[in-house]
Every structure is written in C-alpha cells, then in structure tokens.
Amino acid sequence: MRTGYFYSLIFAFLTSASIAAIAAPVSPSETTKAPLLMDAAAPSQSAKVDLNGADAATLQKELAGVGEAKAQAIVAYRDINGPFASVDELLEVKGIGKAILDRNREKLEVN
C-alpha cells in the first residue's frame, strides 16, 4: 500500500511540474543576432577578377600572395603588352610564379 501511495505522489508531482512548465510565460531569449548589413563594396566570393579590367588595388585585395608591387607589375605588363589572352599568360609577369597562379586560378578570368 505504501508503494502505491508513493507512486501516486510521484505521478501528481510530475504532472503538476509539467503543467507548470507548459503554462509558464515564455520570456524572450536574449540572443545576439548578427547584423544584417553587408558592405556594398565587398565583392561576393563567387565574383571573378578580370585580368584585363582590374586595377592594381583590386588585384592586390582579391588575389592571395599578390601585394602592391606584384599588382602594379601585372597592370604594367598589361599596359605594355596589351590585354591578357589567357590566365596562364600571367606567368610572364615578373614576380608571378606557378604557385601564385595555381592559388588564384579559380578567382581569375580574362575578358
């Protein structure tokens, strides 16, 4: 008889606790949301850099391993030799090697 009484008390306690949890007012959680603003000047990740149209600042910013001097060398090569015929022609620029070209190949295009 004692165990039946004990189980009844446990059942009543759990039932009242679940009802209290369901009926309790929900307070809004204070989560920090990331700002929805995006920089309009920031290019999208899928945008490619046109070797024949990009200026030195764009080349420097978008290409890995390309600093100010290499970016200016790319623009100077383009000014002297005309537009690039292919992305592989970038290897002709002083300071640009196969490693830099391979690292940036997916980001580059020639129009």
N, C-alpha and C. Protein backbone atom coordinates (compact mmCIF):
# COMPACT_ATOMS: atom_id res chain seq x y z
N MET A 1 0.81 -1.18 0.00
CA MET A 1 0.00 0.00 0.00
C MET A 1 0.86 1.26 0.00
N ARG A 2 1.97 1.18 0.69
CA ARG A 2 2.85 2.35 0.73
C ARG A 2 3.42 2.66 -0.65
N THR A 3 3.77 1.63 -1.40
CA THR A 3 4.35 1.89 -2.71
C THR A 3 3.32 2.51 -3.65
N GLY A 4 2.07 2.08 -3.55
CA GLY A 4 1.01 2.68 -4.37
C GLY A 4 0.82 4.14 -4.04
N TYR A 5 0.85 4.46 -2.75
CA TYR A 5 0.73 5.85 -2.32
C TYR A 5 1.93 6.67 -2.80
N PHE A 6 3.12 6.08 -2.69
CA PHE A 6 4.35 6.76 -3.14
C PHE A 6 4.28 7.05 -4.65
N TYR A 7 3.86 6.06 -5.44
CA TYR A 7 3.77 6.26 -6.88
C TYR A 7 2.72 7.31 -7.24
N SER A 8 1.64 7.36 -6.49
CA SER A 8 0.62 8.37 -6.71
C SER A 8 1.17 9.77 -6.47
N LEU A 9 1.98 9.91 -5.40
CA LEU A 9 2.59 11.20 -5.11
C LEU A 9 3.58 11.62 -6.21
N ILE A 10 4.36 10.68 -6.66
CA ILE A 10 5.33 10.95 -7.74
C ILE A 10 4.58 11.37 -9.01
N PHE A 11 3.51 10.65 -9.34
CA PHE A 11 2.72 10.98 -10.52
C PHE A 11 2.12 12.37 -10.41
N ALA A 12 1.60 12.71 -9.25
CA ALA A 12 0.99 14.02 -9.04
C ALA A 12 2.05 15.12 -9.13
N PHE A 13 3.21 14.87 -8.59
CA PHE A 13 4.29 15.85 -8.64
C PHE A 13 4.74 16.09 -10.09
N LEU A 14 4.98 15.03 -10.83
CA LEU A 14 5.43 15.17 -12.21
C LEU A 14 4.36 15.82 -13.08
N THR A 15 3.11 15.49 -12.84
CA THR A 15 2.02 16.10 -13.62
C THR A 15 1.95 17.60 -13.36
N SER A 16 2.02 17.99 -12.10
CA SER A 16 1.95 19.42 -11.78
C SER A 16 3.17 20.16 -12.30
N ALA A 17 4.32 19.52 -12.29
CA ALA A 17 5.53 20.16 -12.80
C ALA A 17 5.43 20.36 -14.31
N SER A 18 4.87 19.39 -15.01
CA SER A 18 4.76 19.53 -16.46
C SER A 18 3.72 20.59 -16.84
N ILE A 19 2.63 20.65 -16.07
CA ILE A 19 1.62 21.67 -16.33
C ILE A 19 2.19 23.06 -16.06
N ALA A 20 2.97 23.18 -14.99
CA ALA A 20 3.58 24.47 -14.67
C ALA A 20 4.57 24.89 -15.75
N ALA A 21 5.29 23.93 -16.29
CA ALA A 21 6.26 24.25 -17.34
C ALA A 21 5.56 24.68 -18.63
N ILE A 22 4.45 24.05 -18.93
CA ILE A 22 3.72 24.39 -20.15
C ILE A 22 3.02 25.74 -20.01
N ALA A 23 2.47 26.00 -18.82
CA ALA A 23 1.69 27.22 -18.62
C ALA A 23 2.55 28.43 -18.29
N ALA A 24 3.82 28.23 -18.02
CA ALA A 24 4.70 29.34 -17.65
C ALA A 24 4.84 30.30 -18.82
N PRO A 25 4.85 31.59 -18.54
CA PRO A 25 5.03 32.56 -19.63
C PRO A 25 6.44 32.44 -20.21
N VAL A 26 6.51 32.55 -21.49
CA VAL A 26 7.78 32.44 -22.19
C VAL A 26 8.40 33.81 -22.28
N SER A 27 9.57 33.94 -21.71
CA SER A 27 10.27 35.22 -21.81
C SER A 27 11.15 35.17 -23.06
N PRO A 28 11.21 36.26 -23.78
CA PRO A 28 12.04 36.25 -24.99
C PRO A 28 13.50 36.06 -24.61
N SER A 29 14.13 35.16 -25.33
CA SER A 29 15.54 34.92 -25.05
C SER A 29 16.37 36.07 -25.58
N GLU A 30 17.40 36.35 -24.88
CA GLU A 30 18.26 37.47 -25.26
C GLU A 30 19.44 36.96 -26.07
N THR A 31 19.16 36.60 -27.29
CA THR A 31 20.22 36.14 -28.17
C THR A 31 20.75 37.30 -28.97
N THR A 32 22.01 37.29 -29.21
CA THR A 32 22.63 38.33 -30.01
C THR A 32 22.59 37.90 -31.46
N LYS A 33 21.96 38.73 -32.26
CA LYS A 33 21.86 38.43 -33.68
C LYS A 33 22.95 39.17 -34.43
N ALA A 34 23.44 38.52 -35.46
CA ALA A 34 24.45 39.14 -36.29
C ALA A 34 23.79 40.27 -37.10
N PRO A 35 24.50 41.34 -37.33
CA PRO A 35 23.92 42.43 -38.12
C PRO A 35 23.66 41.96 -39.55
N LEU A 36 22.59 42.44 -40.11
CA LEU A 36 22.20 42.05 -41.45
C LEU A 36 22.78 42.96 -42.52
N LEU A 37 23.57 43.92 -42.12
CA LEU A 37 24.16 44.84 -43.08
C LEU A 37 25.36 44.20 -43.75
N MET A 38 25.49 44.44 -45.02
CA MET A 38 26.65 43.95 -45.75
C MET A 38 27.32 45.14 -46.42
N ASP A 39 28.61 45.09 -46.51
CA ASP A 39 29.34 46.15 -47.16
C ASP A 39 29.11 46.04 -48.67
N ALA A 40 28.56 47.07 -49.26
CA ALA A 40 28.26 47.03 -50.69
C ALA A 40 29.53 46.99 -51.53
N ALA A 41 30.63 47.48 -50.99
CA ALA A 41 31.87 47.50 -51.76
C ALA A 41 32.56 46.14 -51.74
N ALA A 42 32.19 45.28 -50.80
CA ALA A 42 32.83 43.98 -50.70
C ALA A 42 32.31 43.08 -51.82
N PRO A 43 33.20 42.51 -52.62
CA PRO A 43 32.75 41.64 -53.70
C PRO A 43 32.29 40.31 -53.14
N SER A 44 31.42 39.65 -53.87
CA SER A 44 30.96 38.35 -53.44
C SER A 44 32.08 37.33 -53.65
N GLN A 45 31.96 36.21 -52.94
CA GLN A 45 33.00 35.19 -53.02
C GLN A 45 33.06 34.55 -54.40
N SER A 46 31.95 34.55 -55.12
CA SER A 46 31.93 33.89 -56.42
C SER A 46 32.37 34.82 -57.55
N ALA A 47 32.54 36.11 -57.29
CA ALA A 47 32.94 37.05 -58.33
C ALA A 47 34.38 36.78 -58.74
N LYS A 48 34.61 36.81 -60.03
CA LYS A 48 35.97 36.59 -60.53
C LYS A 48 36.60 37.92 -60.87
N VAL A 49 37.92 37.94 -60.83
CA VAL A 49 38.69 39.14 -61.13
C VAL A 49 39.10 39.09 -62.59
N ASP A 50 38.76 40.13 -63.34
CA ASP A 50 39.13 40.21 -64.74
C ASP A 50 40.55 40.77 -64.84
N LEU A 51 41.46 39.98 -65.38
CA LEU A 51 42.85 40.42 -65.51
C LEU A 51 43.00 41.61 -66.43
N ASN A 52 42.10 41.77 -67.39
CA ASN A 52 42.21 42.87 -68.34
C ASN A 52 41.49 44.13 -67.88
N GLY A 53 40.71 44.05 -66.82
CA GLY A 53 39.96 45.22 -66.39
C GLY A 53 40.24 45.67 -64.97
N ALA A 54 40.84 44.83 -64.16
CA ALA A 54 41.06 45.16 -62.75
C ALA A 54 42.24 46.12 -62.60
N ASP A 55 42.10 47.03 -61.66
CA ASP A 55 43.21 47.93 -61.35
C ASP A 55 44.11 47.27 -60.31
N ALA A 56 45.22 47.92 -60.01
CA ALA A 56 46.22 47.35 -59.09
C ALA A 56 45.64 47.12 -57.70
N ALA A 57 44.80 48.05 -57.22
CA ALA A 57 44.23 47.91 -55.88
C ALA A 57 43.32 46.69 -55.80
N THR A 58 42.53 46.46 -56.83
CA THR A 58 41.64 45.30 -56.85
C THR A 58 42.43 44.01 -56.90
N LEU A 59 43.45 43.96 -57.73
CA LEU A 59 44.29 42.77 -57.82
C LEU A 59 44.95 42.47 -56.48
N GLN A 60 45.45 43.50 -55.84
CA GLN A 60 46.12 43.33 -54.55
C GLN A 60 45.15 42.80 -53.50
N LYS A 61 43.94 43.33 -53.50
CA LYS A 61 42.96 42.96 -52.48
C LYS A 61 42.38 41.56 -52.71
N GLU A 62 42.17 41.17 -53.96
CA GLU A 62 41.45 39.93 -54.26
C GLU A 62 42.34 38.70 -54.42
N LEU A 63 43.59 38.90 -54.78
CA LEU A 63 44.43 37.75 -55.08
C LEU A 63 45.37 37.43 -53.92
N ALA A 64 45.43 36.15 -53.58
CA ALA A 64 46.30 35.70 -52.49
C ALA A 64 47.75 35.71 -52.96
N GLY A 65 48.62 36.25 -52.16
CA GLY A 65 50.05 36.29 -52.48
C GLY A 65 50.45 37.42 -53.40
N VAL A 66 49.51 38.31 -53.71
CA VAL A 66 49.80 39.44 -54.59
C VAL A 66 49.72 40.71 -53.76
N GLY A 67 50.89 41.34 -53.61
CA GLY A 67 50.95 42.60 -52.88
C GLY A 67 50.92 43.77 -53.84
N GLU A 68 51.29 44.92 -53.31
CA GLU A 68 51.24 46.14 -54.12
C GLU A 68 52.18 46.08 -55.32
N ALA A 69 53.40 45.61 -55.10
CA ALA A 69 54.39 45.57 -56.19
C ALA A 69 53.97 44.61 -57.29
N LYS A 70 53.48 43.43 -56.94
CA LYS A 70 53.07 42.45 -57.94
C LYS A 70 51.82 42.92 -58.69
N ALA A 71 50.91 43.56 -57.98
CA ALA A 71 49.71 44.08 -58.62
C ALA A 71 50.07 45.16 -59.63
N GLN A 72 51.01 46.03 -59.27
CA GLN A 72 51.44 47.06 -60.21
C GLN A 72 52.20 46.45 -61.39
N ALA A 73 52.93 45.36 -61.13
CA ALA A 73 53.64 44.68 -62.22
C ALA A 73 52.65 44.06 -63.20
N ILE A 74 51.54 43.54 -62.71
CA ILE A 74 50.52 42.96 -63.59
C ILE A 74 49.91 44.05 -64.47
N VAL A 75 49.58 45.19 -63.88
CA VAL A 75 49.00 46.30 -64.64
C VAL A 75 50.01 46.84 -65.65
N ALA A 76 51.28 46.96 -65.24
CA ALA A 76 52.32 47.45 -66.16
C ALA A 76 52.51 46.50 -67.33
N TYR A 77 52.51 45.20 -67.06
CA TYR A 77 52.64 44.21 -68.13
C TYR A 77 51.48 44.34 -69.12
N ARG A 78 50.29 44.52 -68.58
CA ARG A 78 49.10 44.66 -69.43
C ARG A 78 49.18 45.93 -70.27
N ASP A 79 49.69 47.02 -69.68
CA ASP A 79 49.81 48.27 -70.42
C ASP A 79 50.83 48.17 -71.54
N ILE A 80 51.91 47.45 -71.30
CA ILE A 80 52.98 47.34 -72.30
C ILE A 80 52.64 46.32 -73.38
N ASN A 81 52.13 45.15 -72.99
CA ASN A 81 51.92 44.04 -73.92
C ASN A 81 50.49 43.87 -74.41
N GLY A 82 49.60 44.70 -73.95
CA GLY A 82 48.20 44.56 -74.36
C GLY A 82 47.45 43.62 -73.42
N PRO A 83 46.19 43.41 -73.70
CA PRO A 83 45.38 42.57 -72.81
C PRO A 83 45.86 41.13 -72.76
N PHE A 84 45.58 40.50 -71.63
CA PHE A 84 45.95 39.09 -71.45
C PHE A 84 45.07 38.23 -72.35
N ALA A 85 45.68 37.25 -72.99
CA ALA A 85 44.94 36.33 -73.85
C ALA A 85 44.40 35.16 -73.03
N SER A 86 45.10 34.80 -71.96
CA SER A 86 44.65 33.71 -71.10
C SER A 86 45.18 33.96 -69.69
N VAL A 87 44.63 33.23 -68.75
CA VAL A 87 45.08 33.35 -67.36
C VAL A 87 46.52 32.87 -67.23
N ASP A 88 46.90 31.88 -68.02
CA ASP A 88 48.26 31.34 -67.95
C ASP A 88 49.32 32.35 -68.37
N GLU A 89 48.94 33.37 -69.13
CA GLU A 89 49.89 34.41 -69.53
C GLU A 89 50.38 35.22 -68.34
N LEU A 90 49.69 35.11 -67.24
CA LEU A 90 50.10 35.80 -66.02
C LEU A 90 51.48 35.34 -65.55
N LEU A 91 51.89 34.14 -65.95
CA LEU A 91 53.22 33.64 -65.59
C LEU A 91 54.34 34.47 -66.20
N GLU A 92 54.03 35.25 -67.23
CA GLU A 92 55.03 36.09 -67.88
C GLU A 92 55.35 37.34 -67.05
N VAL A 93 54.52 37.66 -66.09
CA VAL A 93 54.72 38.85 -65.26
C VAL A 93 55.80 38.54 -64.22
N LYS A 94 56.74 39.47 -64.08
CA LYS A 94 57.82 39.30 -63.12
C LYS A 94 57.24 39.23 -61.70
N GLY A 95 57.63 38.19 -60.97
CA GLY A 95 57.19 38.01 -59.60
C GLY A 95 55.99 37.08 -59.44
N ILE A 96 55.38 36.71 -60.55
CA ILE A 96 54.25 35.78 -60.50
C ILE A 96 54.73 34.41 -60.93
N GLY A 97 54.63 33.47 -60.02
CA GLY A 97 55.07 32.11 -60.32
C GLY A 97 53.89 31.16 -60.40
N LYS A 98 54.21 29.92 -60.64
CA LYS A 98 53.19 28.89 -60.78
C LYS A 98 52.37 28.72 -59.50
N ALA A 99 53.02 28.85 -58.34
CA ALA A 99 52.31 28.67 -57.07
C ALA A 99 51.24 29.75 -56.87
N ILE A 100 51.59 30.99 -57.17
CA ILE A 100 50.62 32.08 -57.03
C ILE A 100 49.49 31.92 -58.04
N LEU A 101 49.83 31.54 -59.26
CA LEU A 101 48.81 31.34 -60.29
C LEU A 101 47.86 30.21 -59.89
N ASP A 102 48.40 29.10 -59.42
CA ASP A 102 47.56 27.96 -59.03
C ASP A 102 46.66 28.32 -57.85
N ARG A 103 47.18 29.11 -56.93
CA ARG A 103 46.40 29.51 -55.76
C ARG A 103 45.22 30.41 -56.13
N ASN A 104 45.36 31.17 -57.21
CA ASN A 104 44.35 32.15 -57.59
C ASN A 104 43.60 31.81 -58.87
N ARG A 105 43.86 30.69 -59.47
CA ARG A 105 43.30 30.36 -60.78
C ARG A 105 41.77 30.42 -60.79
N GLU A 106 41.11 29.95 -59.73
CA GLU A 106 39.64 29.95 -59.70
C GLU A 106 39.07 31.36 -59.60
N LYS A 107 39.87 32.31 -59.12
CA LYS A 107 39.40 33.69 -58.95
C LYS A 107 39.59 34.54 -60.20
N LEU A 108 40.33 34.04 -61.16
CA LEU A 108 40.73 34.85 -62.31
C LEU A 108 39.94 34.50 -63.57
N GLU A 109 39.75 35.52 -64.38
CA GLU A 109 39.16 35.34 -65.71
C GLU A 109 39.75 36.39 -66.65
N VAL A 110 39.63 36.11 -67.94
CA VAL A 110 40.12 37.04 -68.95
C VAL A 110 38.96 37.37 -69.87
N ASN A 111 38.62 38.65 -69.93
CA ASN A 111 37.53 39.10 -70.82
C ASN A 111 38.08 39.97 -71.91
